[in-house]
Amino acid sequence: MKQCTIEGCTEKHLARGMCNIHYRRQRRADQQVRPPHRPRKREYDMARAEEFLKDGASYREVSHTLKIPRTTLRENLPDYGWTAQEGGQFKGFVARTPARQRLYYQHLFDNTRRFD
């Protein structure tokens, strides 16, 4: 049976040559020294996204085309979308006119490949 390598300790070896007490103490000390883990921030092509938004593309279209989450687009490039009132007016307009509704949805599907 292996023993702890710390001077004066006769406990049973657990890991890295140390007993349970000393091993936990060492791990705790290591965690305090290390900087906290930060998730890597993804680099998105915001310049290209801004060009698409200026050309009149919706957040949805840009998100789908460039594979950028919509919330990220809205946070980094605000003021390119419709207000809630404008969106509601358009939705009401589309809902009242079935022919326009078909054109609207056709337009969405036709333009999904526009930016590829």
PDB file of N, CA and C in Angstrom:
ATOM      1  N   MET A   1       0.836  -1.177   0.000  1.00  0.00           N
ATOM      2  CA  MET A   1       0.000   0.000   0.000  1.00  0.00           C
ATOM      3  C   MET A   1       0.888   1.251   0.000  1.00  0.00           C
ATOM      4  N   LYS A   2       0.555   2.182  -0.912  1.00  0.00           N
ATOM      5  CA  LYS A   2       1.326   3.423  -0.999  1.00  0.00           C
ATOM      6  C   LYS A   2       0.870   4.391   0.092  1.00  0.00           C
ATOM      7  N   GLN A   3       1.798   5.227   0.515  1.00  0.00           N
ATOM      8  CA  GLN A   3       1.473   6.243   1.509  1.00  0.00           C
ATOM      9  C   GLN A   3       1.607   7.629   0.895  1.00  0.00           C
ATOM     10  N   CYS A   4       0.997   8.594   1.556  1.00  0.00           N
ATOM     11  CA  CYS A   4       1.055  10.000   1.135  1.00  0.00           C
ATOM     12  C   CYS A   4       2.514  10.458   1.141  1.00  0.00           C
ATOM     13  N   THR A   5       2.902  11.244   0.151  1.00  0.00           N
ATOM     14  CA  THR A   5       4.288  11.705   0.025  1.00  0.00           C
ATOM     15  C   THR A   5       4.555  12.982   0.811  1.00  0.00           C
ATOM     16  N   ILE A   6       3.549  13.554   1.427  1.00  0.00           N
ATOM     17  CA  ILE A   6       3.734  14.768   2.231  1.00  0.00           C
ATOM     18  C   ILE A   6       4.432  14.378   3.538  1.00  0.00           C
ATOM     19  N   GLU A   7       5.409  15.180   3.922  1.00  0.00           N
ATOM     20  CA  GLU A   7       6.209  14.885   5.116  1.00  0.00           C
ATOM     21  C   GLU A   7       5.339  14.801   6.365  1.00  0.00           C
ATOM     22  N   GLY A   8       5.499  13.749   7.128  1.00  0.00           N
ATOM     23  CA  GLY A   8       4.787  13.586   8.392  1.00  0.00           C
ATOM     24  C   GLY A   8       3.400  12.969   8.261  1.00  0.00           C
ATOM     25  N   CYS A   9       2.948  12.683   7.048  1.00  0.00           N
ATOM     26  CA  CYS A   9       1.616  12.098   6.843  1.00  0.00           C
ATOM     27  C   CYS A   9       1.763  10.607   6.548  1.00  0.00           C
ATOM     28  N   THR A  10       0.952   9.791   7.223  1.00  0.00           N
ATOM     29  CA  THR A  10       1.026   8.337   7.023  1.00  0.00           C
ATOM     30  C   THR A  10      -0.263   7.771   6.435  1.00  0.00           C
ATOM     31  N   GLU A  11      -1.111   8.649   5.899  1.00  0.00           N
ATOM     32  CA  GLU A  11      -2.395   8.217   5.328  1.00  0.00           C
ATOM     33  C   GLU A  11      -2.183   7.472   4.011  1.00  0.00           C
ATOM     34  N   LYS A  12      -3.218   6.756   3.574  1.00  0.00           N
ATOM     35  CA  LYS A  12      -3.191   5.977   2.339  1.00  0.00           C
ATOM     36  C   LYS A  12      -3.188   6.905   1.112  1.00  0.00           C
ATOM     37  N   HIS A  13      -2.407   6.545   0.126  1.00  0.00           N
ATOM     38  CA  HIS A  13      -2.292   7.301  -1.134  1.00  0.00           C
ATOM     39  C   HIS A  13      -3.626   7.320  -1.870  1.00  0.00           C
ATOM     40  N   LEU A  14      -4.023   8.483  -2.406  1.00  0.00           N
ATOM     41  CA  LEU A  14      -5.253   8.599  -3.196  1.00  0.00           C
ATOM     42  C   LEU A  14      -4.919   8.953  -4.646  1.00  0.00           C
ATOM     43  N   ALA A  15      -4.250  10.061  -4.836  1.00  0.00           N
ATOM     44  CA  ALA A  15      -3.929  10.504  -6.199  1.00  0.00           C
ATOM     45  C   ALA A  15      -2.718  11.426  -6.159  1.00  0.00           C
ATOM     46  N   ARG A  16      -1.920  11.375  -7.225  1.00  0.00           N
ATOM     47  CA  ARG A  16      -0.742  12.227  -7.367  1.00  0.00           C
ATOM     48  C   ARG A  16       0.184  12.183  -6.153  1.00  0.00           C
ATOM     49  N   GLY A  17       0.256  11.026  -5.548  1.00  0.00           N
ATOM     50  CA  GLY A  17       1.166  10.836  -4.428  1.00  0.00           C
ATOM     51  C   GLY A  17       0.677  11.416  -3.116  1.00  0.00           C
ATOM     52  N   MET A  18      -0.593  11.814  -3.047  1.00  0.00           N
ATOM     53  CA  MET A  18      -1.108  12.432  -1.823  1.00  0.00           C
ATOM     54  C   MET A  18      -2.328  11.688  -1.299  1.00  0.00           C
ATOM     55  N   CYS A  19      -2.574  11.854  -0.010  1.00  0.00           N
ATOM     56  CA  CYS A  19      -3.775  11.288   0.597  1.00  0.00           C
ATOM     57  C   CYS A  19      -4.977  12.181   0.272  1.00  0.00           C
ATOM     58  N   ASN A  20      -6.140  11.763   0.710  1.00  0.00           N
ATOM     59  CA  ASN A  20      -7.378  12.489   0.427  1.00  0.00           C
ATOM     60  C   ASN A  20      -7.314  13.937   0.922  1.00  0.00           C
ATOM     61  N   ILE A  21      -6.877  14.143   2.155  1.00  0.00           N
ATOM     62  CA  ILE A  21      -6.831  15.482   2.745  1.00  0.00           C
ATOM     63  C   ILE A  21      -5.889  16.399   1.964  1.00  0.00           C
ATOM     64  N   HIS A  22      -4.678  15.939   1.720  1.00  0.00           N
ATOM     65  CA  HIS A  22      -3.690  16.782   1.029  1.00  0.00           C
ATOM     66  C   HIS A  22      -4.043  17.000  -0.453  1.00  0.00           C
ATOM     67  N   TYR A  23      -4.610  15.972  -1.072  1.00  0.00           N
ATOM     68  CA  TYR A  23      -5.005  16.106  -2.473  1.00  0.00           C
ATOM     69  C   TYR A  23      -6.100  17.166  -2.623  1.00  0.00           C
ATOM     70  N   ARG A  24      -7.112  17.121  -1.752  1.00  0.00           N
ATOM     71  CA  ARG A  24      -8.186  18.127  -1.809  1.00  0.00           C
ATOM     72  C   ARG A  24      -7.651  19.518  -1.516  1.00  0.00           C
ATOM     73  N   ARG A  25      -6.756  19.614  -0.555  1.00  0.00           N
ATOM     74  CA  ARG A  25      -6.154  20.902  -0.210  1.00  0.00           C
ATOM     75  C   ARG A  25      -5.406  21.478  -1.416  1.00  0.00           C
ATOM     76  N   GLN A  26      -4.671  20.610  -2.103  1.00  0.00           N
ATOM     77  CA  GLN A  26      -3.906  21.046  -3.283  1.00  0.00           C
ATOM     78  C   GLN A  26      -4.837  21.503  -4.405  1.00  0.00           C
ATOM     79  N   ARG A  27      -5.905  20.731  -4.620  1.00  0.00           N
ATOM     80  CA  ARG A  27      -6.867  21.108  -5.676  1.00  0.00           C
ATOM     81  C   ARG A  27      -7.523  22.441  -5.375  1.00  0.00           C
ATOM     82  N   ARG A  28      -7.875  22.651  -4.107  1.00  0.00           N
ATOM     83  CA  ARG A  28      -8.504  23.915  -3.712  1.00  0.00           C
ATOM     84  C   ARG A  28      -7.541  25.078  -3.940  1.00  0.00           C
ATOM     85  N   ALA A  29      -6.279  24.885  -3.600  1.00  0.00           N
ATOM     86  CA  ALA A  29      -5.266  25.925  -3.799  1.00  0.00           C
ATOM     87  C   ALA A  29      -5.070  26.205  -5.281  1.00  0.00           C
ATOM     88  N   ASP A  30      -5.069  25.157  -6.118  1.00  0.00           N
ATOM     89  CA  ASP A  30      -4.913  25.341  -7.566  1.00  0.00           C
ATOM     90  C   ASP A  30      -6.067  26.130  -8.155  1.00  0.00           C
ATOM     91  N   GLN A  31      -7.265  25.874  -7.676  1.00  0.00           N
ATOM     92  CA  GLN A  31      -8.437  26.573  -8.203  1.00  0.00           C
ATOM     93  C   GLN A  31      -8.407  28.053  -7.857  1.00  0.00           C
ATOM     94  N   GLN A  32      -7.845  28.403  -6.711  1.00  0.00           N
ATOM     95  CA  GLN A  32      -7.778  29.810  -6.319  1.00  0.00           C
ATOM     96  C   GLN A  32      -6.742  30.558  -7.134  1.00  0.00           C
ATOM     97  N   VAL A  33      -5.709  29.872  -7.567  1.00  0.00           N
ATOM     98  CA  VAL A  33      -4.646  30.500  -8.348  1.00  0.00           C
ATOM     99  C   VAL A  33      -5.085  30.726  -9.787  1.00  0.00           C
ATOM    100  N   ARG A  34      -5.815  29.768 -10.355  1.00  0.00           N
ATOM    101  CA  ARG A  34      -6.223  29.863 -11.762  1.00  0.00           C
ATOM    102  C   ARG A  34      -7.271  30.959 -11.965  1.00  0.00           C
ATOM    103  N   PRO A  35      -7.194  31.680 -13.077  1.00  0.00           N
ATOM    104  CA  PRO A  35      -8.252  32.650 -13.371  1.00  0.00           C
ATOM    105  C   PRO A  35      -9.556  31.922 -13.674  1.00  0.00           C
ATOM    106  N   PRO A  36     -10.689  32.550 -13.418  1.00  0.00           N
ATOM    107  CA  PRO A  36     -11.962  31.884 -13.692  1.00  0.00           C
ATOM    108  C   PRO A  36     -12.130  31.603 -15.184  1.00  0.00           C
ATOM    109  N   HIS A  37     -12.818  30.520 -15.486  1.00  0.00           N
ATOM    110  CA  HIS A  37     -13.037  30.127 -16.876  1.00  0.00           C
ATOM    111  C   HIS A  37     -13.971  31.124 -17.557  1.00  0.00           C
ATOM    112  N   ARG A  38     -13.569  31.589 -18.708  1.00  0.00           N
ATOM    113  CA  ARG A  38     -14.413  32.482 -19.503  1.00  0.00           C
ATOM    114  C   ARG A  38     -14.717  31.791 -20.816  1.00  0.00           C
ATOM    115  N   PRO A  39     -15.993  31.693 -21.160  1.00  0.00           N
ATOM    116  CA  PRO A  39     -16.296  31.095 -22.458  1.00  0.00           C
ATOM    117  C   PRO A  39     -15.750  31.967 -23.585  1.00  0.00           C
ATOM    118  N   ARG A  40     -15.267  31.334 -24.609  1.00  0.00           N
ATOM    119  CA  ARG A  40     -14.721  32.059 -25.752  1.00  0.00           C
ATOM    120  C   ARG A  40     -15.832  32.804 -26.473  1.00  0.00           C
ATOM    121  N   LYS A  41     -15.612  34.063 -26.720  1.00  0.00           N
ATOM    122  CA  LYS A  41     -16.604  34.846 -27.441  1.00  0.00           C
ATOM    123  C   LYS A  41     -16.430  34.584 -28.930  1.00  0.00           C
ATOM    124  N   ARG A  42     -17.528  34.261 -29.555  1.00  0.00           N
ATOM    125  CA  ARG A  42     -17.463  33.983 -30.986  1.00  0.00           C
ATOM    126  C   ARG A  42     -17.270  35.273 -31.767  1.00  0.00           C
ATOM    127  N   GLU A  43     -16.505  35.159 -32.802  1.00  0.00           N
ATOM    128  CA  GLU A  43     -16.293  36.297 -33.688  1.00  0.00           C
ATOM    129  C   GLU A  43     -17.267  36.165 -34.856  1.00  0.00           C
ATOM    130  N   TYR A  44     -18.175  37.097 -34.950  1.00  0.00           N
ATOM    131  CA  TYR A  44     -19.143  37.086 -36.038  1.00  0.00           C
ATOM    132  C   TYR A  44     -18.799  38.189 -37.026  1.00  0.00           C
ATOM    133  N   ASP A  45     -19.274  38.019 -38.233  1.00  0.00           N
ATOM    134  CA  ASP A  45     -19.036  39.005 -39.274  1.00  0.00           C
ATOM    135  C   ASP A  45     -20.113  40.083 -39.189  1.00  0.00           C
ATOM    136  N   MET A  46     -19.971  40.975 -38.220  1.00  0.00           N
ATOM    137  CA  MET A  46     -20.977  42.011 -37.987  1.00  0.00           C
ATOM    138  C   MET A  46     -20.998  43.057 -39.111  1.00  0.00           C
ATOM    139  N   ALA A  47     -19.865  43.286 -39.743  1.00  0.00           N
ATOM    140  CA  ALA A  47     -19.837  44.254 -40.848  1.00  0.00           C
ATOM    141  C   ALA A  47     -20.720  43.764 -41.993  1.00  0.00           C
ATOM    142  N   ARG A  48     -20.613  42.489 -42.304  1.00  0.00           N
ATOM    143  CA  ARG A  48     -21.432  41.911 -43.372  1.00  0.00           C
ATOM    144  C   ARG A  48     -22.908  41.909 -42.977  1.00  0.00           C
ATOM    145  N   ALA A  49     -23.175  41.603 -41.714  1.00  0.00           N
ATOM    146  CA  ALA A  49     -24.551  41.613 -41.225  1.00  0.00           C
ATOM    147  C   ALA A  49     -25.147  43.010 -41.331  1.00  0.00           C
ATOM    148  N   GLU A  50     -24.349  44.020 -40.998  1.00  0.00           N
ATOM    149  CA  GLU A  50     -24.838  45.402 -41.078  1.00  0.00           C
ATOM    150  C   GLU A  50     -25.147  45.794 -42.523  1.00  0.00           C
ATOM    151  N   GLU A  51     -24.331  45.323 -43.461  1.00  0.00           N
ATOM    152  CA  GLU A  51     -24.605  45.599 -44.881  1.00  0.00           C
ATOM    153  C   GLU A  51     -25.960  45.013 -45.286  1.00  0.00           C
ATOM    154  N   PHE A  52     -26.211  43.778 -44.898  1.00  0.00           N
ATOM    155  CA  PHE A  52     -27.479  43.135 -45.239  1.00  0.00           C
ATOM    156  C   PHE A  52     -28.656  43.888 -44.634  1.00  0.00           C
ATOM    157  N   LEU A  53     -28.504  44.316 -43.375  1.00  0.00           N
ATOM    158  CA  LEU A  53     -29.593  45.038 -42.708  1.00  0.00           C
ATOM    159  C   LEU A  53     -29.843  46.393 -43.374  1.00  0.00           C
ATOM    160  N   LYS A  54     -28.770  47.056 -43.793  1.00  0.00           N
ATOM    161  CA  LYS A  54     -28.934  48.340 -44.493  1.00  0.00           C
ATOM    162  C   LYS A  54     -29.619  48.150 -45.842  1.00  0.00           C
ATOM    163  N   ASP A  55     -29.399  47.006 -46.475  1.00  0.00           N
ATOM    164  CA  ASP A  55     -30.049  46.710 -47.756  1.00  0.00           C
ATOM    165  C   ASP A  55     -31.520  46.343 -47.593  1.00  0.00           C
ATOM    166  N   GLY A  56     -31.972  46.220 -46.345  1.00  0.00           N
ATOM    167  CA  GLY A  56     -33.386  45.954 -46.115  1.00  0.00           C
ATOM    168  C   GLY A  56     -33.712  44.534 -45.695  1.00  0.00           C
ATOM    169  N   ALA A  57     -32.712  43.722 -45.470  1.00  0.00           N
ATOM    170  CA  ALA A  57     -32.975  42.353 -45.017  1.00  0.00           C
ATOM    171  C   ALA A  57     -33.430  42.381 -43.559  1.00  0.00           C
ATOM    172  N   SER A  58     -34.227  41.418 -43.181  1.00  0.00           N
ATOM    173  CA  SER A  58     -34.699  41.349 -41.797  1.00  0.00           C
ATOM    174  C   SER A  58     -33.648  40.668 -40.926  1.00  0.00           C
ATOM    175  N   TYR A  59     -33.796  40.837 -39.608  1.00  0.00           N
ATOM    176  CA  TYR A  59     -32.912  40.137 -38.679  1.00  0.00           C
ATOM    177  C   TYR A  59     -32.995  38.635 -38.922  1.00  0.00           C
ATOM    178  N   ARG A  60     -34.187  38.166 -39.217  1.00  0.00           N
ATOM    179  CA  ARG A  60     -34.393  36.738 -39.446  1.00  0.00           C
ATOM    180  C   ARG A  60     -33.586  36.244 -40.652  1.00  0.00           C
ATOM    181  N   GLU A  61     -33.655  37.002 -41.745  1.00  0.00           N
ATOM    182  CA  GLU A  61     -32.920  36.606 -42.948  1.00  0.00           C
ATOM    183  C   GLU A  61     -31.413  36.625 -42.712  1.00  0.00           C
ATOM    184  N   VAL A  62     -30.931  37.675 -42.052  1.00  0.00           N
ATOM    185  CA  VAL A  62     -29.496  37.788 -41.795  1.00  0.00           C
ATOM    186  C   VAL A  62     -29.035  36.675 -40.856  1.00  0.00           C
ATOM    187  N   SER A  63     -29.839  36.405 -39.848  1.00  0.00           N
ATOM    188  CA  SER A  63     -29.523  35.347 -38.895  1.00  0.00           C
ATOM    189  C   SER A  63     -29.411  34.002 -39.602  1.00  0.00           C
ATOM    190  N   HIS A  64     -30.345  33.731 -40.461  1.00  0.00           N
ATOM    191  CA  HIS A  64     -30.356  32.460 -41.191  1.00  0.00           C
ATOM    192  C   HIS A  64     -29.179  32.368 -42.157  1.00  0.00           C
ATOM    193  N   THR A  65     -28.886  33.451 -42.845  1.00  0.00           N
ATOM    194  CA  THR A  65     -27.836  33.447 -43.858  1.00  0.00           C
ATOM    195  C   THR A  65     -26.439  33.339 -43.255  1.00  0.00           C
ATOM    196  N   LEU A  66     -26.169  34.151 -42.213  1.00  0.00           N
ATOM    197  CA  LEU A  66     -24.825  34.203 -41.645  1.00  0.00           C
ATOM    198  C   LEU A  66     -24.643  33.303 -40.428  1.00  0.00           C
ATOM    199  N   LYS A  67     -25.705  32.594 -40.039  1.00  0.00           N
ATOM    200  CA  LYS A  67     -25.642  31.697 -38.875  1.00  0.00           C
ATOM    201  C   LYS A  67     -25.256  32.461 -37.596  1.00  0.00           C
ATOM    202  N   ILE A  68     -25.867  33.628 -37.410  1.00  0.00           N
ATOM    203  CA  ILE A  68     -25.668  34.432 -36.212  1.00  0.00           C
ATOM    204  C   ILE A  68     -26.996  34.456 -35.468  1.00  0.00           C
ATOM    205  N   PRO A  69     -27.016  34.202 -34.163  1.00  0.00           N
ATOM    206  CA  PRO A  69     -28.280  34.257 -33.419  1.00  0.00           C
ATOM    207  C   PRO A  69     -28.946  35.627 -33.532  1.00  0.00           C
ATOM    208  N   ARG A  70     -30.266  35.620 -33.643  1.00  0.00           N
ATOM    209  CA  ARG A  70     -31.002  36.878 -33.779  1.00  0.00           C
ATOM    210  C   ARG A  70     -30.775  37.815 -32.606  1.00  0.00           C
ATOM    211  N   THR A  71     -30.707  37.250 -31.415  1.00  0.00           N
ATOM    212  CA  THR A  71     -30.494  38.109 -30.242  1.00  0.00           C
ATOM    213  C   THR A  71     -29.143  38.811 -30.319  1.00  0.00           C
ATOM    214  N   THR A  72     -28.135  38.134 -30.837  1.00  0.00           N
ATOM    215  CA  THR A  72     -26.818  38.753 -30.997  1.00  0.00           C
ATOM    216  C   THR A  72     -26.893  39.896 -31.998  1.00  0.00           C
ATOM    217  N   LEU A  73     -27.619  39.694 -33.075  1.00  0.00           N
ATOM    218  CA  LEU A  73     -27.776  40.767 -34.064  1.00  0.00           C
ATOM    219  C   LEU A  73     -28.484  41.967 -33.458  1.00  0.00           C
ATOM    220  N   ARG A  74     -29.572  41.710 -32.731  1.00  0.00           N
ATOM    221  CA  ARG A  74     -30.338  42.815 -32.137  1.00  0.00           C
ATOM    222  C   ARG A  74     -29.527  43.576 -31.103  1.00  0.00           C
ATOM    223  N   GLU A  75     -28.689  42.859 -30.331  1.00  0.00           N
ATOM    224  CA  GLU A  75     -27.881  43.522 -29.305  1.00  0.00           C
ATOM    225  C   GLU A  75     -26.760  44.350 -29.924  1.00  0.00           C
ATOM    226  N   ASN A  76     -26.112  43.823 -30.952  1.00  0.00           N
ATOM    227  CA  ASN A  76     -24.963  44.508 -31.547  1.00  0.00           C
ATOM    228  C   ASN A  76     -25.338  45.507 -32.637  1.00  0.00           C
ATOM    229  N   LEU A  77     -26.468  45.292 -33.286  1.00  0.00           N
ATOM    230  CA  LEU A  77     -26.896  46.187 -34.367  1.00  0.00           C
ATOM    231  C   LEU A  77     -28.360  46.594 -34.143  1.00  0.00           C
ATOM    232  N   PRO A  78     -28.611  47.421 -33.140  1.00  0.00           N
ATOM    233  CA  PRO A  78     -29.999  47.807 -32.879  1.00  0.00           C
ATOM    234  C   PRO A  78     -30.507  48.801 -33.920  1.00  0.00           C
ATOM    235  N   ASP A  79     -31.793  49.053 -33.897  1.00  0.00           N
ATOM    236  CA  ASP A  79     -32.448  50.079 -34.736  1.00  0.00           C
ATOM    237  C   ASP A  79     -32.508  49.746 -36.219  1.00  0.00           C
ATOM    238  N   TYR A  80     -32.374  48.475 -36.580  1.00  0.00           N
ATOM    239  CA  TYR A  80     -32.560  48.105 -37.975  1.00  0.00           C
ATOM    240  C   TYR A  80     -33.891  47.402 -38.201  1.00  0.00           C
ATOM    241  N   GLY A  81     -34.533  47.008 -37.147  1.00  0.00           N
ATOM    242  CA  GLY A  81     -35.788  46.273 -37.282  1.00  0.00           C
ATOM    243  C   GLY A  81     -36.985  47.191 -37.128  1.00  0.00           C
ATOM    244  N   TRP A  82     -38.153  46.625 -37.282  1.00  0.00           N
ATOM    245  CA  TRP A  82     -39.377  47.368 -37.080  1.00  0.00           C
ATOM    246  C   TRP A  82     -39.660  47.502 -35.600  1.00  0.00           C
ATOM    247  N   THR A  83     -40.398  48.549 -35.252  1.00  0.00           N
ATOM    248  CA  THR A  83     -40.885  48.647 -33.883  1.00  0.00           C
ATOM    249  C   THR A  83     -42.012  47.632 -33.730  1.00  0.00           C
ATOM    250  N   ALA A  84     -42.422  47.389 -32.500  1.00  0.00           N
ATOM    251  CA  ALA A  84     -43.512  46.439 -32.249  1.00  0.00           C
ATOM    252  C   ALA A  84     -44.792  46.927 -32.930  1.00  0.00           C
ATOM    253  N   GLN A  85     -45.007  48.227 -32.942  1.00  0.00           N
ATOM    254  CA  GLN A  85     -46.208  48.794 -33.568  1.00  0.00           C
ATOM    255  C   GLN A  85     -46.183  48.567 -35.085  1.00  0.00           C
ATOM    256  N   GLU A  86     -45.049  48.810 -35.722  1.00  0.00           N
ATOM    257  CA  GLU A  86     -44.940  48.596 -37.168  1.00  0.00           C
ATOM    258  C   GLU A  86     -45.133  47.123 -37.530  1.00  0.00           C
ATOM    259  N   GLY A  87     -44.540  46.236 -36.732  1.00  0.00           N
ATOM    260  CA  GLY A  87     -44.700  44.811 -36.976  1.00  0.00           C
ATOM    261  C   GLY A  87     -46.146  44.378 -36.846  1.00  0.00           C
ATOM    262  N   GLY A  88     -46.833  44.906 -35.844  1.00  0.00           N
ATOM    263  CA  GLY A  88     -48.246  44.577 -35.643  1.00  0.00           C
ATOM    264  C   GLY A  88     -49.113  45.075 -36.786  1.00  0.00           C
ATOM    265  N   GLN A  89     -48.833  46.271 -37.266  1.00  0.00           N
ATOM    266  CA  GLN A  89     -49.599  46.821 -38.393  1.00  0.00           C
ATOM    267  C   GLN A  89     -49.401  45.962 -39.639  1.00  0.00           C
ATOM    268  N   PHE A  90     -48.166  45.550 -39.902  1.00  0.00           N
ATOM    269  CA  PHE A  90     -47.906  44.740 -41.081  1.00  0.00           C
ATOM    270  C   PHE A  90     -48.578  43.376 -40.960  1.00  0.00           C
ATOM    271  N   LYS A  91     -48.486  42.786 -39.790  1.00  0.00           N
ATOM    272  CA  LYS A  91     -49.106  41.485 -39.582  1.00  0.00           C
ATOM    273  C   LYS A  91     -50.613  41.572 -39.786  1.00  0.00           C
ATOM    274  N   GLY A  92     -51.224  42.633 -39.268  1.00  0.00           N
ATOM    275  CA  GLY A  92     -52.662  42.827 -39.468  1.00  0.00           C
ATOM    276  C   GLY A  92     -53.003  43.017 -40.938  1.00  0.00           C
ATOM    277  N   PHE A  93     -52.165  43.746 -41.650  1.00  0.00           N
ATOM    278  CA  PHE A  93     -52.381  43.983 -43.069  1.00  0.00           C
ATOM    279  C   PHE A  93     -52.314  42.671 -43.850  1.00  0.00           C
ATOM    280  N   VAL A  94     -51.301  41.857 -43.543  1.00  0.00           N
ATOM    281  CA  VAL A  94     -51.130  40.585 -44.239  1.00  0.00           C
ATOM    282  C   VAL A  94     -52.283  39.640 -43.924  1.00  0.00           C
ATOM    283  N   ALA A  95     -52.717  39.654 -42.678  1.00  0.00           N
ATOM    284  CA  ALA A  95     -53.796  38.750 -42.270  1.00  0.00           C
ATOM    285  C   ALA A  95     -55.110  39.088 -42.969  1.00  0.00           C
ATOM    286  N   ARG A  96     -55.321  40.342 -43.288  1.00  0.00           N
ATOM    287  CA  ARG A  96     -56.590  40.748 -43.918  1.00  0.00           C
ATOM    288  C   ARG A  96     -56.630  40.488 -45.413  1.00  0.00           C
ATOM    289  N   THR A  97     -55.492  40.282 -46.032  1.00  0.00           N
ATOM    290  CA  THR A  97     -55.473  40.112 -47.481  1.00  0.00           C
ATOM    291  C   THR A  97     -54.789  38.792 -47.854  1.00  0.00           C
ATOM    292  N   PRO A  98     -55.566  37.731 -48.142  1.00  0.00           N
ATOM    293  CA  PRO A  98     -54.978  36.420 -48.437  1.00  0.00           C
ATOM    294  C   PRO A  98     -54.017  36.430 -49.626  1.00  0.00           C
ATOM    295  N   ALA A  99     -54.319  37.194 -50.663  1.00  0.00           N
ATOM    296  CA  ALA A  99     -53.424  37.223 -51.827  1.00  0.00           C
ATOM    297  C   ALA A  99     -52.075  37.818 -51.436  1.00  0.00           C
ATOM    298  N   ARG A 100     -52.103  38.865 -50.654  1.00  0.00           N
ATOM    299  CA  ARG A 100     -50.851  39.486 -50.210  1.00  0.00           C
ATOM    300  C   ARG A 100     -50.106  38.570 -49.238  1.00  0.00           C
ATOM    301  N   GLN A 101     -50.863  37.808 -48.475  1.00  0.00           N
ATOM    302  CA  GLN A 101     -50.244  36.878 -47.544  1.00  0.00           C
ATOM    303  C   GLN A 101     -49.415  35.846 -48.299  1.00  0.00           C
ATOM    304  N   ARG A 102     -49.954  35.319 -49.386  1.00  0.00           N
ATOM    305  CA  ARG A 102     -49.201  34.353 -50.194  1.00  0.00           C
ATOM    306  C   ARG A 102     -47.949  34.997 -50.773  1.00  0.00           C
ATOM    307  N   LEU A 103     -48.085  36.242 -51.261  1.00  0.00           N
ATOM    308  CA  LEU A 103     -46.928  36.937 -51.821  1.00  0.00           C
ATOM    309  C   LEU A 103     -45.860  37.173 -50.762  1.00  0.00           C
ATOM    310  N   TYR A 104     -46.298  37.552 -49.565  1.00  0.00           N
ATOM    311  CA  TYR A 104     -45.355  37.811 -48.483  1.00  0.00           C
ATOM    312  C   TYR A 104     -44.552  36.558 -48.150  1.00  0.00           C
ATOM    313  N   TYR A 105     -45.213  35.425 -47.963  1.00  0.00           N
ATOM    314  CA  TYR A 105     -44.502  34.207 -47.618  1.00  0.00           C
ATOM    315  C   TYR A 105     -43.654  33.701 -48.780  1.00  0.00           C
ATOM    316  N   GLN A 106     -44.119  33.898 -50.003  1.00  0.00           N
ATOM    317  CA  GLN A 106     -43.328  33.521 -51.170  1.00  0.00           C
ATOM    318  C   GLN A 106     -42.062  34.368 -51.217  1.00  0.00           C
ATOM    319  N   HIS A 107     -42.198  35.654 -50.917  1.00  0.00           N
ATOM    320  CA  HIS A 107     -41.055  36.563 -50.897  1.00  0.00           C
ATOM    321  C   HIS A 107     -40.017  36.093 -49.872  1.00  0.00           C
ATOM    322  N   LEU A 108     -40.458  35.661 -48.714  1.00  0.00           N
ATOM    323  CA  LEU A 108     -39.529  35.179 -47.690  1.00  0.00           C
ATOM    324  C   LEU A 108     -38.741  33.980 -48.170  1.00  0.00           C
ATOM    325  N   PHE A 109     -39.426  33.029 -48.780  1.00  0.00           N
ATOM    326  CA  PHE A 109     -38.740  31.822 -49.214  1.00  0.00           C
ATOM    327  C   PHE A 109     -37.871  32.069 -50.441  1.00  0.00           C
ATOM    328  N   ASP A 110     -38.264  32.998 -51.308  1.00  0.00           N
ATOM    329  CA  ASP A 110     -37.446  33.311 -52.476  1.00  0.00           C
ATOM    330  C   ASP A 110     -36.146  33.991 -52.071  1.00  0.00           C
ATOM    331  N   ASN A 111     -36.186  34.800 -51.004  1.00  0.00           N
ATOM    332  CA  ASN A 111     -35.023  35.589 -50.614  1.00  0.00           C
ATOM    333  C   ASN A 111     -34.090  34.875 -49.649  1.00  0.00           C
ATOM    334  N   THR A 112     -34.414  33.667 -49.256  1.00  0.00           N
ATOM    335  CA  THR A 112     -33.529  32.981 -48.303  1.00  0.00           C
ATOM    336  C   THR A 112     -32.179  32.665 -48.934  1.00  0.00           C
ATOM    337  N   ARG A 113     -32.103  32.507 -50.222  1.00  0.00           N
ATOM    338  CA  ARG A 113     -30.835  32.194 -50.884  1.00  0.00           C
ATOM    339  C   ARG A 113     -30.169  33.440 -51.486  1.00  0.00           C
ATOM    340  N   ARG A 114     -30.807  34.576 -51.295  1.00  0.00           N
ATOM    341  CA  ARG A 114     -30.306  35.809 -51.905  1.00  0.00           C
ATOM    342  C   ARG A 114     -28.895  36.163 -51.458  1.00  0.00           C
ATOM    343  N   PHE A 115     -28.519  35.851 -50.212  1.00  0.00           N
ATOM    344  CA  PHE A 115     -27.239  36.291 -49.700  1.00  0.00           C
ATOM    345  C   PHE A 115     -26.177  35.210 -49.717  1.00  0.00           C
ATOM    346  N   ASP A 116     -26.453  34.054 -50.261  1.00  0.00           N
ATOM    347  CA  ASP A 116     -25.452  32.963 -50.264  1.00  0.00           C
ATOM    348  C   ASP A 116     -24.288  33.250 -51.152  1.00  0.00           C
TER     349      ASP A 116
END
